[in-house]
Amino acid sequence: MPVYQGERYLAAAIESVLAQTWRDFELIIADNGSADGTEGIARRYAAADPRIRYERADANYGAAWNYNRLVGLARGEYFKWHAHDDLIAPTYIERAVEELDRDAGVALVYARARLIDEAGRPIGDIDDRMRLMQATPHERFGRFLASANMCNPIAGLMRIDALRRTRMIDRFRGSDYVLLSELALLGKVHEIPEPLFFRRMHNESFQRANPNIRAVQRWLDPFRPGAAYFPGLRLNFEFARSAWRMELAPMEKLACLWAARQWPKARLRDTLGRWKANVRGMMANLRTIR
């Protein structure tokens, strides 16, 4: 559980983990130098439950550093990131463990997401479109790049040995997409069709608190806050790089490189779709005016 200045929602997030029907887990709370009440809340829970470890940094080293250090601190076979403001249903971990135990070829199990507001009221469900059960890496890779939506599956349960073979969370915008693409290269991705993950949307959440590229870069790495130029082109390069760096048979690697073209094609399709919707809206408004 990476956290920075999370006093408002931290206790609820911890409680949702402690309420899991699967009891054999370790909860590591990685505090990135919070100056609010985060430390007191985390220490109180750690003192009451031996499964909880509290690790505090002396300063804010950025989200990328804090997320990745948790992977180094973890000691289990499976691993899950859990944001300090999100919630999970009591059966989430149990259901995910069952799938990972059942199929050794699965690298990640995630549940569908339901967006909630500050008070925990439901906003709507999200189809992440990341059920990737194809047999070959290039099929899974291409399917992910063609259909990726939000990155909610990053909060799923992963095989930690697979996660450690990825580049994890890097210091550029969209690195969570790259991480998920590398997990797809390493194994299948299973979706639990029920909404067992509750992603909280509020004014301090990542999307709203970081409305531009410069803010995102500062969130990822406060010591390198300059804005990254041409982030879309950067992602195209990073996906191709992911396909190249994986230990795959030569023909499979070439197939993955060819599949990387799906990302710009999908982004162009989405952009054209938004333009068409805007034009239809404008035309409807004009007809109303007449």
C-alpha atoms as a PDB file:
ATOM      1  CA  MET A   1       0.000   0.000   0.000  1.00  0.00           C
ATOM      2  CA  PRO A   2       1.914   3.070  -1.226  1.00  0.00           C
ATOM      3  CA  VAL A   3       0.744   6.257   0.456  1.00  0.00           C
ATOM      4  CA  TYR A   4       1.537   9.953   0.609  1.00  0.00           C
ATOM      5  CA  GLN A   5      -0.598  12.410   2.585  1.00  0.00           C
ATOM      6  CA  GLY A   6      -3.349   9.812   2.792  1.00  0.00           C
ATOM      7  CA  GLU A   7      -4.936  10.406   6.185  1.00  0.00           C
ATOM      8  CA  ARG A   8      -8.450  10.947   4.800  1.00  0.00           C
ATOM      9  CA  TYR A   9      -8.950   7.500   3.261  1.00  0.00           C
ATOM     10  CA  LEU A  10      -6.126   5.349   4.649  1.00  0.00           C
ATOM     11  CA  ALA A  11      -8.040   3.715   7.506  1.00  0.00           C
ATOM     12  CA  ALA A  12     -10.868   2.616   5.171  1.00  0.00           C
ATOM     13  CA  ALA A  13      -8.362   1.156   2.699  1.00  0.00           C
ATOM     14  CA  ILE A  14      -6.597  -0.800   5.450  1.00  0.00           C
ATOM     15  CA  GLU A  15      -9.920  -2.058   6.815  1.00  0.00           C
ATOM     16  CA  SER A  16     -10.919  -3.366   3.386  1.00  0.00           C
ATOM     17  CA  VAL A  17      -7.691  -5.383   3.253  1.00  0.00           C
ATOM     18  CA  LEU A  18      -8.109  -6.715   6.794  1.00  0.00           C
ATOM     19  CA  ALA A  19     -11.667  -7.802   5.922  1.00  0.00           C
ATOM     20  CA  GLN A  20     -10.421 -10.275   3.276  1.00  0.00           C
ATOM     21  CA  THR A  21     -11.656 -13.850   3.512  1.00  0.00           C
ATOM     22  CA  TRP A  22      -8.118 -14.923   2.532  1.00  0.00           C
ATOM     23  CA  ARG A  23      -6.200 -14.381   5.757  1.00  0.00           C
ATOM     24  CA  ASP A  24      -2.637 -15.425   4.882  1.00  0.00           C
ATOM     25  CA  PHE A  25      -1.143 -12.158   3.636  1.00  0.00           C
ATOM     26  CA  GLU A  26       1.284  -9.412   4.587  1.00  0.00           C
ATOM     27  CA  LEU A  27       0.255  -5.771   4.252  1.00  0.00           C
ATOM     28  CA  ILE A  28       3.202  -3.413   3.758  1.00  0.00           C
ATOM     29  CA  ILE A  29       2.369   0.271   4.096  1.00  0.00           C
ATOM     30  CA  ALA A  30       5.032   2.354   2.336  1.00  0.00           C
ATOM     31  CA  ASP A  31       4.768   5.955   3.502  1.00  0.00           C
ATOM     32  CA  ASN A  32       6.521   8.374   1.154  1.00  0.00           C
ATOM     33  CA  GLY A  33       7.344  10.948   3.850  1.00  0.00           C
ATOM     34  CA  SER A  34       3.789  12.083   4.653  1.00  0.00           C
ATOM     35  CA  ALA A  35       3.451  15.174   6.841  1.00  0.00           C
ATOM     36  CA  ASP A  36      -0.220  14.686   7.794  1.00  0.00           C
ATOM     37  CA  GLY A  37      -1.772  12.050  10.047  1.00  0.00           C
ATOM     38  CA  THR A  38      -0.786   9.128   7.824  1.00  0.00           C
ATOM     39  CA  GLU A  39       2.032   7.919  10.080  1.00  0.00           C
ATOM     40  CA  GLY A  40      -0.134   7.799  13.200  1.00  0.00           C
ATOM     41  CA  ILE A  41      -2.897   5.851  11.441  1.00  0.00           C
ATOM     42  CA  ALA A  42      -0.468   3.346   9.913  1.00  0.00           C
ATOM     43  CA  ARG A  43       1.456   2.779  13.152  1.00  0.00           C
ATOM     44  CA  ARG A  44      -1.775   2.213  15.073  1.00  0.00           C
ATOM     45  CA  TYR A  45      -2.863  -0.534  12.677  1.00  0.00           C
ATOM     46  CA  ALA A  46       0.625  -2.076  12.553  1.00  0.00           C
ATOM     47  CA  ALA A  47       0.718  -2.288  16.347  1.00  0.00           C
ATOM     48  CA  ALA A  48      -2.635  -4.072  16.404  1.00  0.00           C
ATOM     49  CA  ASP A  49      -2.020  -6.653  13.631  1.00  0.00           C
ATOM     50  CA  PRO A  50       1.295  -8.530  13.116  1.00  0.00           C
ATOM     51  CA  ARG A  51       0.519  -8.948   9.393  1.00  0.00           C
ATOM     52  CA  ILE A  52       1.030  -5.202   8.864  1.00  0.00           C
ATOM     53  CA  ARG A  53       4.475  -3.657   8.311  1.00  0.00           C
ATOM     54  CA  TYR A  54       4.953   0.088   8.235  1.00  0.00           C
ATOM     55  CA  GLU A  55       7.886   1.445   6.222  1.00  0.00           C
ATOM     56  CA  ARG A  56       8.436   5.212   6.285  1.00  0.00           C
ATOM     57  CA  ALA A  57      10.697   7.217   3.970  1.00  0.00           C
ATOM     58  CA  ASP A  58      12.375  10.368   5.239  1.00  0.00           C
ATOM     59  CA  ALA A  59      11.092  12.409   2.263  1.00  0.00           C
ATOM     60  CA  ASN A  60       8.842  12.180  -0.792  1.00  0.00           C
ATOM     61  CA  TYR A  61      10.900  10.399  -3.461  1.00  0.00           C
ATOM     62  CA  GLY A  62       8.045  10.168  -5.943  1.00  0.00           C
ATOM     63  CA  ALA A  63       5.346   7.636  -6.693  1.00  0.00           C
ATOM     64  CA  ALA A  64       7.500   5.520  -9.037  1.00  0.00           C
ATOM     65  CA  TRP A  65      10.144   5.000  -6.341  1.00  0.00           C
ATOM     66  CA  ASN A  66       7.557   4.254  -3.657  1.00  0.00           C
ATOM     67  CA  TYR A  67       5.602   1.765  -5.765  1.00  0.00           C
ATOM     68  CA  ASN A  68       8.741  -0.073  -6.827  1.00  0.00           C
ATOM     69  CA  ARG A  69      10.316  -0.276  -3.384  1.00  0.00           C
ATOM     70  CA  LEU A  70       7.281  -2.257  -2.232  1.00  0.00           C
ATOM     71  CA  VAL A  71       8.188  -4.989  -4.724  1.00  0.00           C
ATOM     72  CA  GLY A  72      11.614  -5.228  -3.111  1.00  0.00           C
ATOM     73  CA  LEU A  73      10.134  -5.353   0.389  1.00  0.00           C
ATOM     74  CA  ALA A  74       7.557  -8.048  -0.421  1.00  0.00           C
ATOM     75  CA  ARG A  75       8.183 -11.648   0.634  1.00  0.00           C
ATOM     76  CA  GLY A  76       5.174 -13.459  -0.781  1.00  0.00           C
ATOM     77  CA  GLU A  77       4.644 -15.502  -3.944  1.00  0.00           C
ATOM     78  CA  TYR A  78       1.889 -13.174  -5.130  1.00  0.00           C
ATOM     79  CA  PHE A  79       1.842  -9.387  -5.016  1.00  0.00           C
ATOM     80  CA  LYS A  80      -0.783  -6.650  -5.179  1.00  0.00           C
ATOM     81  CA  TRP A  81      -0.569  -2.871  -5.137  1.00  0.00           C
ATOM     82  CA  HIS A  82      -3.434  -1.307  -3.191  1.00  0.00           C
ATOM     83  CA  ALA A  83      -3.803   2.472  -3.349  1.00  0.00           C
ATOM     84  CA  HIS A  84      -4.454   4.179  -0.012  1.00  0.00           C
ATOM     85  CA  ASP A  85      -7.826   5.546  -1.177  1.00  0.00           C
ATOM     86  CA  ASP A  86      -9.273   2.455  -2.887  1.00  0.00           C
ATOM     87  CA  LEU A  87     -11.315  -0.438  -1.510  1.00  0.00           C
ATOM     88  CA  ILE A  88     -11.713  -4.115  -2.386  1.00  0.00           C
ATOM     89  CA  ALA A  89     -14.516  -6.567  -1.701  1.00  0.00           C
ATOM     90  CA  PRO A  90     -13.836  -9.191   1.007  1.00  0.00           C
ATOM     91  CA  THR A  91     -13.457 -12.035  -1.504  1.00  0.00           C
ATOM     92  CA  TYR A  92     -11.055 -10.249  -3.884  1.00  0.00           C
ATOM     93  CA  ILE A  93      -7.789 -11.886  -2.797  1.00  0.00           C
ATOM     94  CA  GLU A  94      -9.346 -15.318  -2.296  1.00  0.00           C
ATOM     95  CA  ARG A  95     -10.832 -15.317  -5.796  1.00  0.00           C
ATOM     96  CA  ALA A  96      -7.579 -14.114  -7.353  1.00  0.00           C
ATOM     97  CA  VAL A  97      -5.440 -16.674  -5.497  1.00  0.00           C
ATOM     98  CA  GLU A  98      -7.726 -19.459  -6.699  1.00  0.00           C
ATOM     99  CA  GLU A  99      -7.112 -18.492 -10.325  1.00  0.00           C
ATOM    100  CA  LEU A 100      -3.340 -18.131  -9.936  1.00  0.00           C
ATOM    101  CA  ASP A 101      -3.134 -21.500  -8.161  1.00  0.00           C
ATOM    102  CA  ARG A 102      -5.312 -23.148 -10.798  1.00  0.00           C
ATOM    103  CA  ASP A 103      -3.376 -21.991 -13.880  1.00  0.00           C
ATOM    104  CA  ALA A 104       0.398 -21.549 -13.738  1.00  0.00           C
ATOM    105  CA  GLY A 105       0.293 -19.707 -17.065  1.00  0.00           C
ATOM    106  CA  VAL A 106      -1.624 -16.767 -15.600  1.00  0.00           C
ATOM    107  CA  ALA A 107       0.559 -13.801 -14.621  1.00  0.00           C
ATOM    108  CA  LEU A 108      -2.171 -11.425 -13.399  1.00  0.00           C
ATOM    109  CA  VAL A 109      -5.702 -11.713 -12.048  1.00  0.00           C
ATOM    110  CA  TYR A 110      -7.867  -8.614 -11.702  1.00  0.00           C
ATOM    111  CA  ALA A 111     -11.505  -7.928 -10.892  1.00  0.00           C
ATOM    112  CA  ARG A 112     -13.710  -5.479 -12.727  1.00  0.00           C
ATOM    113  CA  ALA A 113     -13.687  -1.958 -11.322  1.00  0.00           C
ATOM    114  CA  ARG A 114     -16.488   0.155  -9.916  1.00  0.00           C
ATOM    115  CA  LEU A 115     -15.835   3.866  -9.536  1.00  0.00           C
ATOM    116  CA  ILE A 116     -16.928   5.396  -6.223  1.00  0.00           C
ATOM    117  CA  ASP A 117     -16.975   8.962  -4.956  1.00  0.00           C
ATOM    118  CA  GLU A 118     -15.518  10.543  -1.812  1.00  0.00           C
ATOM    119  CA  ALA A 119     -18.238   9.020   0.357  1.00  0.00           C
ATOM    120  CA  GLY A 120     -18.007   5.570  -1.241  1.00  0.00           C
ATOM    121  CA  ARG A 121     -21.156   5.967  -3.338  1.00  0.00           C
ATOM    122  CA  PRO A 122     -21.047   4.141  -6.716  1.00  0.00           C
ATOM    123  CA  ILE A 123     -20.490   6.231  -9.841  1.00  0.00           C
ATOM    124  CA  GLY A 124     -20.333   3.531 -12.489  1.00  0.00           C
ATOM    125  CA  ASP A 125     -18.624   0.318 -13.582  1.00  0.00           C
ATOM    126  CA  ILE A 126     -15.621   0.138 -15.902  1.00  0.00           C
ATOM    127  CA  ASP A 127     -14.884  -2.467 -18.560  1.00  0.00           C
ATOM    128  CA  ASP A 128     -11.087  -2.613 -18.619  1.00  0.00           C
ATOM    129  CA  ARG A 129     -11.080  -4.929 -21.665  1.00  0.00           C
ATOM    130  CA  MET A 130      -7.991  -6.777 -20.477  1.00  0.00           C
ATOM    131  CA  ARG A 131      -9.050 -10.409 -20.383  1.00  0.00           C
ATOM    132  CA  LEU A 132      -6.031 -11.858 -22.185  1.00  0.00           C
ATOM    133  CA  MET A 133      -6.180 -15.643 -22.217  1.00  0.00           C
ATOM    134  CA  GLN A 134      -4.611 -16.186 -25.658  1.00  0.00           C
ATOM    135  CA  ALA A 135      -1.905 -18.837 -25.907  1.00  0.00           C
ATOM    136  CA  THR A 136       0.949 -16.789 -27.406  1.00  0.00           C
ATOM    137  CA  PRO A 137       2.678 -13.609 -26.175  1.00  0.00           C
ATOM    138  CA  HIS A 138       2.140 -11.708 -29.430  1.00  0.00           C
ATOM    139  CA  GLU A 139      -1.607 -12.404 -29.402  1.00  0.00           C
ATOM    140  CA  ARG A 140      -1.959 -11.152 -25.820  1.00  0.00           C
ATOM    141  CA  PHE A 141       0.322  -8.183 -26.482  1.00  0.00           C
ATOM    142  CA  GLY A 142      -1.548  -7.088 -29.603  1.00  0.00           C
ATOM    143  CA  ARG A 143      -4.928  -7.546 -27.966  1.00  0.00           C
ATOM    144  CA  PHE A 144      -3.891  -5.419 -24.997  1.00  0.00           C
ATOM    145  CA  LEU A 145      -2.559  -2.606 -27.183  1.00  0.00           C
ATOM    146  CA  ALA A 146      -5.686  -2.632 -29.336  1.00  0.00           C
ATOM    147  CA  SER A 147      -8.199  -2.521 -26.494  1.00  0.00           C
ATOM    148  CA  ALA A 148      -6.531  -1.119 -23.338  1.00  0.00           C
ATOM    149  CA  ASN A 149      -8.826   1.204 -21.435  1.00  0.00           C
ATOM    150  CA  MET A 150      -8.057   2.455 -17.922  1.00  0.00           C
ATOM    151  CA  CYS A 151      -5.182   0.860 -16.001  1.00  0.00           C
ATOM    152  CA  ASN A 152      -7.309  -0.566 -13.183  1.00  0.00           C
ATOM    153  CA  PRO A 153      -5.788  -4.070 -13.633  1.00  0.00           C
ATOM    154  CA  ILE A 154      -2.528  -2.648 -12.245  1.00  0.00           C
ATOM    155  CA  ALA A 155      -4.232  -3.175  -8.864  1.00  0.00           C
ATOM    156  CA  GLY A 156      -4.724  -6.889  -9.538  1.00  0.00           C
ATOM    157  CA  LEU A 157      -2.903  -9.836  -7.975  1.00  0.00           C
ATOM    158  CA  MET A 158       0.316 -10.748  -9.811  1.00  0.00           C
ATOM    159  CA  ARG A 159       2.974 -13.413  -9.671  1.00  0.00           C
ATOM    160  CA  ILE A 160       5.837 -11.523  -8.089  1.00  0.00           C
ATOM    161  CA  ASP A 161       8.468 -13.326 -10.157  1.00  0.00           C
ATOM    162  CA  ALA A 162       6.723 -12.112 -13.331  1.00  0.00           C
ATOM    163  CA  LEU A 163       6.399  -8.576 -11.955  1.00  0.00           C
ATOM    164  CA  ARG A 164      10.119  -8.471 -11.167  1.00  0.00           C
ATOM    165  CA  ARG A 165      10.884  -9.318 -14.799  1.00  0.00           C
ATOM    166  CA  THR A 166       9.100  -6.174 -15.955  1.00  0.00           C
ATOM    167  CA  ARG A 167      10.374  -2.587 -15.757  1.00  0.00           C
ATOM    168  CA  MET A 168       7.688  -1.999 -13.118  1.00  0.00           C
ATOM    169  CA  ILE A 169       6.605   1.645 -12.658  1.00  0.00           C
ATOM    170  CA  ASP A 170       8.977   3.826 -14.654  1.00  0.00           C
ATOM    171  CA  ARG A 171       9.409   7.602 -14.455  1.00  0.00           C
ATOM    172  CA  PHE A 172       7.344   8.586 -17.496  1.00  0.00           C
ATOM    173  CA  ARG A 173       3.656   9.074 -18.129  1.00  0.00           C
ATOM    174  CA  GLY A 174       1.923   5.864 -19.166  1.00  0.00           C
ATOM    175  CA  SER A 175       4.502   3.506 -17.649  1.00  0.00           C
ATOM    176  CA  ASP A 176       1.637   1.586 -16.017  1.00  0.00           C
ATOM    177  CA  TYR A 177       0.400   0.682 -19.531  1.00  0.00           C
ATOM    178  CA  VAL A 178       3.896  -0.495 -20.391  1.00  0.00           C
ATOM    179  CA  LEU A 179       4.058  -2.613 -17.241  1.00  0.00           C
ATOM    180  CA  LEU A 180       0.734  -4.258 -18.066  1.00  0.00           C
ATOM    181  CA  SER A 181       1.883  -4.929 -21.623  1.00  0.00           C
ATOM    182  CA  GLU A 182       4.985  -6.684 -20.289  1.00  0.00           C
ATOM    183  CA  LEU A 183       2.904  -8.816 -17.939  1.00  0.00           C
ATOM    184  CA  ALA A 184       0.807  -9.782 -20.968  1.00  0.00           C
ATOM    185  CA  LEU A 185       3.998 -10.869 -22.714  1.00  0.00           C
ATOM    186  CA  LEU A 186       4.939 -12.992 -19.699  1.00  0.00           C
ATOM    187  CA  GLY A 187       1.606 -14.720 -19.112  1.00  0.00           C
ATOM    188  CA  LYS A 188      -2.151 -14.733 -19.409  1.00  0.00           C
ATOM    189  CA  VAL A 189      -4.375 -12.169 -17.721  1.00  0.00           C
ATOM    190  CA  HIS A 190      -7.555 -13.444 -16.089  1.00  0.00           C
ATOM    191  CA  GLU A 191     -10.558 -11.233 -15.350  1.00  0.00           C
ATOM    192  CA  ILE A 192     -12.939 -11.821 -12.454  1.00  0.00           C
ATOM    193  CA  PRO A 193     -16.173 -10.546 -14.058  1.00  0.00           C
ATOM    194  CA  GLU A 194     -17.701  -9.148 -10.853  1.00  0.00           C
ATOM    195  CA  PRO A 195     -16.860  -5.592  -9.714  1.00  0.00           C
ATOM    196  CA  LEU A 196     -14.779  -6.394  -6.618  1.00  0.00           C
ATOM    197  CA  PHE A 197     -12.428  -3.405  -6.945  1.00  0.00           C
ATOM    198  CA  PHE A 198     -13.693   0.024  -5.911  1.00  0.00           C
ATOM    199  CA  ARG A 199     -11.634   2.898  -7.270  1.00  0.00           C
ATOM    200  CA  ARG A 200     -12.266   6.141  -5.456  1.00  0.00           C
ATOM    201  CA  MET A 201     -12.528   9.342  -7.479  1.00  0.00           C
ATOM    202  CA  HIS A 202     -11.962  12.552  -5.508  1.00  0.00           C
ATOM    203  CA  ASN A 203     -10.236  15.917  -5.832  1.00  0.00           C
ATOM    204  CA  GLU A 204      -6.900  14.562  -4.552  1.00  0.00           C
ATOM    205  CA  SER A 205      -6.929  11.418  -6.704  1.00  0.00           C
ATOM    206  CA  PHE A 206      -4.194  10.996  -9.289  1.00  0.00           C
ATOM    207  CA  GLN A 207      -6.205  12.063 -12.341  1.00  0.00           C
ATOM    208  CA  ARG A 208      -7.692  15.213 -10.790  1.00  0.00           C
ATOM    209  CA  ALA A 209      -4.639  16.307  -8.814  1.00  0.00           C
ATOM    210  CA  ASN A 210      -2.323  15.938 -11.839  1.00  0.00           C
ATOM    211  CA  PRO A 211      -4.189  17.498 -14.788  1.00  0.00           C
ATOM    212  CA  ASN A 212      -1.192  17.943 -17.127  1.00  0.00           C
ATOM    213  CA  ILE A 213       2.007  16.209 -18.192  1.00  0.00           C
ATOM    214  CA  ARG A 214       4.251  18.338 -15.971  1.00  0.00           C
ATOM    215  CA  ALA A 215       2.173  17.532 -12.885  1.00  0.00           C
ATOM    216  CA  VAL A 216       2.249  13.813 -13.685  1.00  0.00           C
ATOM    217  CA  GLN A 217       6.015  13.916 -14.095  1.00  0.00           C
ATOM    218  CA  ARG A 218       6.386  15.691 -10.750  1.00  0.00           C
ATOM    219  CA  TRP A 219       4.149  13.075  -9.107  1.00  0.00           C
ATOM    220  CA  LEU A 220       6.242  10.243 -10.520  1.00  0.00           C
ATOM    221  CA  ASP A 221       9.609  11.827  -9.713  1.00  0.00           C
ATOM    222  CA  PRO A 222       9.829  15.173  -7.870  1.00  0.00           C
ATOM    223  CA  PHE A 223      13.574  15.281  -8.517  1.00  0.00           C
ATOM    224  CA  ARG A 224      13.041  15.248 -12.290  1.00  0.00           C
ATOM    225  CA  PRO A 225       9.957  17.426 -12.704  1.00  0.00           C
ATOM    226  CA  GLY A 226      10.450  18.599 -16.287  1.00  0.00           C
ATOM    227  CA  ALA A 227       7.618  17.763 -18.644  1.00  0.00           C
ATOM    228  CA  ALA A 228       8.202  14.892 -21.057  1.00  0.00           C
ATOM    229  CA  TYR A 229       7.672  15.951 -24.666  1.00  0.00           C
ATOM    230  CA  PHE A 230       5.591  13.930 -27.139  1.00  0.00           C
ATOM    231  CA  PRO A 231       4.328  11.381 -24.550  1.00  0.00           C
ATOM    232  CA  GLY A 232       2.324   9.532 -27.214  1.00  0.00           C
ATOM    233  CA  LEU A 233       5.396   8.884 -29.348  1.00  0.00           C
ATOM    234  CA  ARG A 234       7.307   7.913 -26.225  1.00  0.00           C
ATOM    235  CA  LEU A 235       4.766   5.202 -25.465  1.00  0.00           C
ATOM    236  CA  ASN A 236       4.978   3.829 -29.003  1.00  0.00           C
ATOM    237  CA  PHE A 237       8.729   3.486 -28.538  1.00  0.00           C
ATOM    238  CA  GLU A 238       8.392   1.929 -25.070  1.00  0.00           C
ATOM    239  CA  PHE A 239       5.960  -0.760 -26.251  1.00  0.00           C
ATOM    240  CA  ALA A 240       8.343  -1.754 -29.033  1.00  0.00           C
ATOM    241  CA  ARG A 241      11.175  -1.742 -26.521  1.00  0.00           C
ATOM    242  CA  SER A 242       9.195  -4.058 -24.244  1.00  0.00           C
ATOM    243  CA  ALA A 243       8.674  -6.538 -27.068  1.00  0.00           C
ATOM    244  CA  TRP A 244      12.376  -6.438 -27.927  1.00  0.00           C
ATOM    245  CA  ARG A 245      13.714  -6.857 -24.382  1.00  0.00           C
ATOM    246  CA  MET A 246      11.690  -9.949 -23.475  1.00  0.00           C
ATOM    247  CA  GLU A 247      13.282 -13.382 -23.751  1.00  0.00           C
ATOM    248  CA  LEU A 248      11.227 -14.762 -26.607  1.00  0.00           C
ATOM    249  CA  ALA A 249      11.888 -16.956 -29.613  1.00  0.00           C
ATOM    250  CA  PRO A 250      13.050 -14.829 -32.596  1.00  0.00           C
ATOM    251  CA  MET A 251       9.858 -15.282 -34.632  1.00  0.00           C
ATOM    252  CA  GLU A 252       7.686 -14.609 -31.594  1.00  0.00           C
ATOM    253  CA  LYS A 253       9.658 -11.443 -30.876  1.00  0.00           C
ATOM    254  CA  LEU A 254       9.151 -10.249 -34.448  1.00  0.00           C
ATOM    255  CA  ALA A 255       5.435 -10.992 -34.143  1.00  0.00           C
ATOM    256  CA  CYS A 256       5.311  -8.898 -30.961  1.00  0.00           C
ATOM    257  CA  LEU A 257       7.095  -6.010 -32.668  1.00  0.00           C
ATOM    258  CA  TRP A 258       4.546  -6.170 -35.478  1.00  0.00           C
ATOM    259  CA  ALA A 259       1.720  -6.261 -32.927  1.00  0.00           C
ATOM    260  CA  ALA A 260       3.030  -3.034 -31.368  1.00  0.00           C
ATOM    261  CA  ARG A 261       1.408  -1.134 -34.254  1.00  0.00           C
ATOM    262  CA  GLN A 262      -1.950  -1.771 -32.561  1.00  0.00           C
ATOM    263  CA  TRP A 263      -1.350   0.994 -30.001  1.00  0.00           C
ATOM    264  CA  PRO A 264      -1.177   3.986 -32.411  1.00  0.00           C
ATOM    265  CA  LYS A 265      -3.988   2.490 -34.496  1.00  0.00           C
ATOM    266  CA  ALA A 266      -6.218   2.246 -31.422  1.00  0.00           C
ATOM    267  CA  ARG A 267      -5.374   5.796 -30.302  1.00  0.00           C
ATOM    268  CA  LEU A 268      -6.171   7.126 -33.777  1.00  0.00           C
ATOM    269  CA  ARG A 269      -9.470   5.236 -33.783  1.00  0.00           C
ATOM    270  CA  ASP A 270     -10.375   6.674 -30.368  1.00  0.00           C
ATOM    271  CA  THR A 271      -9.469  10.208 -31.483  1.00  0.00           C
ATOM    272  CA  LEU A 272     -11.561   9.930 -34.636  1.00  0.00           C
ATOM    273  CA  GLY A 273     -14.440   8.574 -32.586  1.00  0.00           C
ATOM    274  CA  ARG A 274     -14.322  11.573 -30.256  1.00  0.00           C
ATOM    275  CA  TRP A 275     -14.190  13.965 -33.221  1.00  0.00           C
ATOM    276  CA  LYS A 276     -17.220  12.307 -34.809  1.00  0.00           C
ATOM    277  CA  ALA A 277     -19.124  12.490 -31.536  1.00  0.00           C
ATOM    278  CA  ASN A 278     -18.285  16.187 -31.210  1.00  0.00           C
ATOM    279  CA  VAL A 279     -19.397  16.902 -34.772  1.00  0.00           C
ATOM    280  CA  ARG A 280     -22.671  15.027 -34.217  1.00  0.00           C
ATOM    281  CA  GLY A 281     -23.232  17.033 -31.043  1.00  0.00           C
ATOM    282  CA  MET A 282     -22.603  20.310 -32.865  1.00  0.00           C
ATOM    283  CA  MET A 283     -24.978  19.351 -35.671  1.00  0.00           C
ATOM    284  CA  ALA A 284     -27.670  18.393 -33.165  1.00  0.00           C
ATOM    285  CA  ASN A 285     -27.267  21.767 -31.448  1.00  0.00           C
ATOM    286  CA  LEU A 286     -27.574  23.580 -34.776  1.00  0.00           C
ATOM    287  CA  ARG A 287     -30.781  21.731 -35.621  1.00  0.00           C
ATOM    288  CA  THR A 288     -32.157  22.655 -32.206  1.00  0.00           C
ATOM    289  CA  ILE A 289     -31.351  26.334 -32.758  1.00  0.00           C
ATOM    290  CA  ARG A 290     -33.166  26.289 -36.121  1.00  0.00           C
END
